[in-house]
Amino acid sequence: MSSYGKFAYVYDELMADMPYPDWLAFAETAWGKYGKPRTVAELGCGTGSLTLPLAAAGYHMTGIDLSSDMLAVARQKLEQQPHGLRLSREGSILWIRQNMTEWELPEPVDSVISFCDCLNYVLEEQEVQKVFACTYAGLKPGGTFLFDVHHPNTLIRYEEEQPFVQDEPNVSYIWTCELDVPRREIEHHLSIFAREEGRPDLYRRFEETHIQRAYDPEWMKQELLKAGFSEVRLYADFEWMEADDSAERLFYVAVK
């Protein structure tokens, strides 16, 4: 299984086409509906592709991730940003290495986000429940928890449509999948070829295995309510419309 070591340093190039602006827009729209936060914690912040622009927009961000390599890349990206962007509108960033199943901060925050299907990497129901409990505890009254996960049917589509191949000048991959249908759990196998810096004719190969699990949407909603959230809304695919089985991504908005 991946520890995001070598992978962290090619992650941004591999994920260049991810819809980060759409996640940012979803968060801003949700905050427009439920109250604009000042302090925001991001669970599974990775290399900071959402944390950084939110801090630039003026939010006091705490980026939480289990991978020290991902956080190292995030810190490097922050240092490489123009000075004016880092301090725009008094925003700030604190990076913390923690497991999202047991995260905690000294003070509660106004909102918690976790996008890019991070919760699909939590592989047991009891661990999902822990995430919900920690998040409820870490929010101020009236605070919001915004996250997205793959619909269970999306994992089926992954297996049906594999293999996936990306061929770029600096990094390429071959990606295959194996689906455990009863558990709604998928194992992603990636062979990644990354060009050595300063050696345009030399690529290094390394293997990655990532496991994700999808959960019944209604079960997740009920578990959020059991954790104490007073209101839980479910939407589909970055749109503010009701989710059904045709959705690829499920978006949850939970209010404390």
Protein backbone atom coordinates (compact mmCIF):
# COMPACT_ATOMS: atom_id res chain seq x y z
CA MET A 1 0.00 0.00 0.00
CA SER A 2 1.19 3.50 -0.71
CA SER A 3 2.77 5.67 1.97
CA TYR A 4 2.77 8.55 -0.55
CA GLY A 5 6.59 8.67 -0.51
CA LYS A 6 7.78 8.90 -4.11
CA PHE A 7 4.19 9.37 -5.24
CA ALA A 8 3.93 12.69 -3.39
CA TYR A 9 6.58 14.24 -5.63
CA VAL A 10 4.77 13.42 -8.88
CA TYR A 11 1.24 13.79 -7.47
CA ASP A 12 0.56 17.29 -8.77
CA GLU A 13 1.66 16.43 -12.28
CA LEU A 14 -0.46 13.29 -12.34
CA MET A 15 -3.47 15.17 -10.95
CA ALA A 16 -3.14 18.29 -13.10
CA ASP A 17 -6.56 17.69 -14.69
CA MET A 18 -8.45 17.32 -11.41
CA PRO A 19 -11.34 19.79 -11.02
CA TYR A 20 -9.88 21.83 -8.16
CA PRO A 21 -11.76 25.01 -9.19
CA ASP A 22 -15.03 23.08 -8.96
CA TRP A 23 -14.28 21.93 -5.39
CA LEU A 24 -13.43 25.50 -4.44
CA ALA A 25 -16.63 26.77 -6.02
CA PHE A 26 -18.69 24.12 -4.21
CA ALA A 27 -17.20 25.15 -0.87
CA GLU A 28 -17.78 28.84 -1.50
CA THR A 29 -21.39 28.17 -2.52
CA ALA A 30 -21.99 26.03 0.57
CA TRP A 31 -20.50 28.71 2.80
CA GLY A 32 -22.72 31.27 1.10
CA LYS A 33 -25.73 29.17 2.09
CA TYR A 34 -24.69 28.13 5.60
CA GLY A 35 -22.37 30.89 6.80
CA LYS A 36 -18.96 32.10 5.70
CA PRO A 37 -16.18 30.69 7.90
CA ARG A 38 -13.06 32.36 9.15
CA THR A 39 -11.21 29.19 10.20
CA VAL A 40 -11.20 26.04 8.05
CA ALA A 41 -9.56 22.63 8.55
CA GLU A 42 -8.92 20.44 5.52
CA LEU A 43 -8.69 16.69 6.12
CA GLY A 44 -6.46 14.91 3.63
CA CYS A 45 -5.01 18.17 2.33
CA GLY A 46 -2.34 16.38 0.30
CA THR A 47 -0.02 18.82 -1.46
CA GLY A 48 -2.21 21.80 -0.63
CA SER A 49 -3.91 22.29 -3.99
CA LEU A 50 -7.06 23.49 -2.20
CA THR A 51 -5.48 24.74 1.02
CA LEU A 52 -3.28 27.26 -0.75
CA PRO A 53 -5.95 29.06 -2.81
CA LEU A 54 -8.31 29.15 0.18
CA ALA A 55 -5.61 30.78 2.30
CA ALA A 56 -4.98 33.22 -0.54
CA ALA A 57 -8.69 34.04 -0.46
CA GLY A 58 -8.40 35.04 3.19
CA TYR A 59 -9.28 31.93 5.18
CA HIS A 60 -7.22 30.75 8.16
CA MET A 61 -6.45 27.23 6.99
CA THR A 62 -5.21 24.14 8.80
CA GLY A 63 -4.06 21.47 6.38
CA ILE A 64 -4.14 17.99 7.92
CA ASP A 65 -2.63 14.93 6.26
CA LEU A 66 -1.12 11.62 7.37
CA SER A 67 1.70 11.74 4.79
CA SER A 68 4.78 13.72 5.79
CA ASP A 69 5.89 13.66 2.14
CA MET A 70 2.63 15.23 0.95
CA LEU A 71 2.97 17.93 3.60
CA ALA A 72 6.60 18.53 2.59
CA VAL A 73 5.49 19.17 -0.98
CA ALA A 74 2.71 21.45 0.28
CA ARG A 75 5.23 23.49 2.28
CA GLN A 76 7.50 23.76 -0.77
CA LYS A 77 4.59 25.02 -2.86
CA LEU A 78 3.77 27.63 -0.24
CA GLU A 79 7.38 28.86 -0.23
CA GLN A 80 7.32 29.10 -4.02
CA GLN A 81 4.20 31.27 -4.06
CA PRO A 82 4.60 35.01 -4.60
CA HIS A 83 4.79 36.81 -1.25
CA GLY A 84 1.63 38.79 -1.96
CA LEU A 85 -0.40 35.63 -2.59
CA ARG A 86 0.69 34.07 0.70
CA LEU A 87 -0.53 37.03 2.71
CA SER A 88 -3.53 38.01 0.62
CA ARG A 89 -6.42 39.24 2.78
CA GLU A 90 -4.73 38.04 5.97
CA GLY A 91 -5.15 34.34 5.17
CA SER A 92 -2.83 31.83 6.84
CA ILE A 93 -1.88 28.15 6.76
CA LEU A 94 -0.86 25.71 9.48
CA TRP A 95 0.25 22.24 8.33
CA ILE A 96 -0.30 19.31 10.72
CA ARG A 97 0.46 15.61 10.33
CA GLN A 98 -2.48 13.69 11.78
CA ASN A 99 -4.74 10.79 10.94
CA MET A 100 -8.21 12.00 9.98
CA THR A 101 -9.73 9.28 12.18
CA GLU A 102 -8.33 10.94 15.31
CA TRP A 103 -7.61 14.53 14.37
CA GLU A 104 -7.94 17.37 16.82
CA LEU A 105 -6.95 21.02 17.09
CA PRO A 106 -6.53 23.27 20.15
CA GLU A 107 -9.59 25.29 19.16
CA PRO A 108 -12.70 24.32 17.14
CA VAL A 109 -13.01 25.69 13.60
CA ASP A 110 -15.87 27.18 11.61
CA SER A 111 -15.75 24.60 8.80
CA VAL A 112 -14.10 21.32 7.87
CA ILE A 113 -13.60 20.17 4.28
CA SER A 114 -12.37 16.90 2.80
CA PHE A 115 -12.53 16.69 -0.98
CA CYS A 116 -11.01 14.55 -3.74
CA ASP A 117 -12.66 11.38 -2.32
CA CYS A 118 -10.36 11.30 0.72
CA LEU A 119 -12.92 9.46 2.85
CA ASN A 120 -12.95 6.59 0.36
CA TYR A 121 -9.48 5.78 1.69
CA VAL A 122 -11.00 5.06 5.12
CA LEU A 123 -11.58 1.34 4.75
CA GLU A 124 -13.70 0.31 7.74
CA GLU A 125 -17.11 1.54 8.87
CA GLN A 126 -15.84 2.05 12.42
CA GLU A 127 -13.08 4.30 11.11
CA VAL A 128 -15.56 6.40 9.13
CA GLN A 129 -17.57 6.80 12.31
CA LYS A 130 -14.41 8.03 14.06
CA VAL A 131 -13.85 10.64 11.35
CA PHE A 132 -17.41 11.90 11.81
CA ALA A 133 -17.05 11.99 15.60
CA CYS A 134 -13.72 13.87 15.50
CA THR A 135 -15.10 16.32 12.97
CA TYR A 136 -18.23 17.01 15.00
CA ALA A 137 -16.05 17.61 18.06
CA GLY A 138 -13.70 19.87 16.09
CA LEU A 139 -16.43 22.20 14.79
CA LYS A 140 -17.97 25.25 16.40
CA PRO A 141 -21.78 25.21 16.81
CA GLY A 142 -23.33 25.95 13.43
CA GLY A 143 -20.13 24.87 11.66
CA THR A 144 -20.16 22.92 8.41
CA PHE A 145 -18.55 19.68 7.28
CA LEU A 146 -18.20 19.48 3.48
CA PHE A 147 -16.85 16.38 1.75
CA ASP A 148 -17.22 14.22 -1.32
CA VAL A 149 -16.89 10.48 -1.93
CA HIS A 150 -17.19 8.14 -4.88
CA HIS A 151 -20.63 6.64 -5.39
CA PRO A 152 -20.40 2.82 -5.08
CA ASN A 153 -21.29 2.54 -8.77
CA THR A 154 -18.25 4.60 -9.67
CA LEU A 155 -15.98 1.82 -8.44
CA ILE A 156 -17.81 -0.62 -10.71
CA ARG A 157 -17.22 1.72 -13.65
CA TYR A 158 -13.54 1.93 -12.80
CA GLU A 159 -13.15 -1.83 -13.07
CA GLU A 160 -15.21 -2.00 -16.26
CA GLU A 161 -13.25 0.78 -17.98
CA GLN A 162 -9.71 -0.19 -16.94
CA PRO A 163 -6.85 -0.14 -17.79
CA PHE A 164 -6.08 3.57 -17.72
CA VAL A 165 -2.94 5.01 -19.30
CA GLN A 166 -1.37 8.45 -19.11
CA ASP A 167 1.65 9.37 -21.21
CA GLU A 168 3.14 12.80 -20.51
CA PRO A 169 6.67 14.08 -21.17
CA ASN A 170 7.78 13.92 -17.52
CA VAL A 171 5.57 11.26 -15.95
CA SER A 172 3.43 8.40 -17.21
CA TYR A 173 1.47 5.57 -15.66
CA ILE A 174 -0.37 2.32 -16.30
CA TRP A 175 -3.32 1.92 -13.91
CA THR A 176 -5.33 -1.26 -13.36
CA CYS A 177 -8.04 -2.10 -10.80
CA GLU A 178 -9.43 -5.08 -8.89
CA LEU A 179 -12.88 -4.78 -7.33
CA ASP A 180 -14.10 -6.65 -4.26
CA VAL A 181 -17.85 -6.44 -4.92
CA PRO A 182 -19.19 -7.53 -1.49
CA ARG A 183 -17.04 -4.95 0.31
CA ARG A 184 -17.43 -2.28 -2.38
CA GLU A 185 -13.66 -2.01 -2.19
CA ILE A 186 -11.29 -1.41 -5.09
CA GLU A 187 -7.53 -1.87 -5.27
CA HIS A 188 -5.73 0.42 -7.69
CA HIS A 189 -2.37 -0.74 -9.05
CA LEU A 190 -0.19 1.91 -10.67
CA SER A 191 3.13 1.51 -12.46
CA ILE A 192 4.55 5.03 -12.61
CA PHE A 193 7.42 6.17 -14.81
CA ALA A 194 8.96 9.50 -13.74
CA ARG A 195 11.71 11.30 -15.65
CA GLU A 196 14.90 11.84 -13.67
CA GLU A 197 15.70 15.51 -13.20
CA GLY A 198 18.50 16.53 -15.51
CA ARG A 199 18.33 13.20 -17.38
CA PRO A 200 15.73 13.55 -20.18
CA ASP A 201 16.52 10.04 -21.45
CA LEU A 202 16.14 8.29 -18.07
CA TYR A 203 12.91 7.35 -16.29
CA ARG A 204 12.58 5.68 -12.91
CA ARG A 205 9.75 3.23 -12.34
CA PHE A 206 7.97 2.68 -9.07
CA GLU A 207 4.82 0.82 -8.07
CA GLU A 208 1.87 2.17 -6.09
CA THR A 209 -1.15 0.40 -4.61
CA HIS A 210 -4.10 2.45 -3.41
CA ILE A 211 -7.24 0.99 -1.85
CA GLN A 212 -10.59 2.75 -1.68
CA ARG A 213 -13.94 1.69 -0.30
CA ALA A 214 -17.37 3.12 -1.13
CA TYR A 215 -20.23 3.20 1.36
CA ASP A 216 -23.98 3.21 1.03
CA PRO A 217 -25.02 6.89 0.73
CA GLU A 218 -27.91 6.57 3.16
CA TRP A 219 -25.69 4.79 5.70
CA MET A 220 -23.24 7.70 5.60
CA LYS A 221 -26.06 10.20 6.05
CA GLN A 222 -27.42 8.34 9.06
CA GLU A 223 -23.96 8.05 10.62
CA LEU A 224 -23.49 11.81 10.32
CA LEU A 225 -26.79 12.32 12.12
CA LYS A 226 -25.78 9.79 14.81
CA ALA A 227 -22.52 11.73 15.28
CA GLY A 228 -24.65 14.73 16.23
CA PHE A 229 -24.99 16.79 13.06
CA SER A 230 -28.37 18.49 12.98
CA GLU A 231 -28.72 18.75 9.21
CA VAL A 232 -27.26 16.62 6.41
CA ARG A 233 -27.73 17.33 2.71
CA LEU A 234 -26.58 15.13 -0.17
CA TYR A 235 -25.80 16.40 -3.66
CA ALA A 236 -24.32 15.02 -6.89
CA ASP A 237 -21.32 15.86 -9.05
CA PHE A 238 -20.57 19.46 -8.00
CA GLU A 239 -24.19 20.42 -8.69
CA TRP A 240 -26.78 21.47 -6.15
CA MET A 241 -29.15 18.74 -7.22
CA GLU A 242 -30.40 15.61 -5.51
CA ALA A 243 -28.07 12.63 -5.80
CA ASP A 244 -29.23 9.35 -7.30
CA ASP A 245 -27.54 6.19 -8.57
CA SER A 246 -26.33 7.96 -11.72
CA ALA A 247 -24.05 10.24 -9.66
CA GLU A 248 -20.30 9.72 -9.86
CA ARG A 249 -19.40 11.83 -6.84
CA LEU A 250 -21.58 12.32 -3.78
CA PHE A 251 -21.26 15.65 -1.96
CA TYR A 252 -22.28 15.93 1.68
CA VAL A 253 -23.04 19.11 3.58
CA ALA A 254 -23.44 18.49 7.32
CA VAL A 255 -24.21 21.24 9.83
CA LYS A 256 -23.41 21.04 13.53
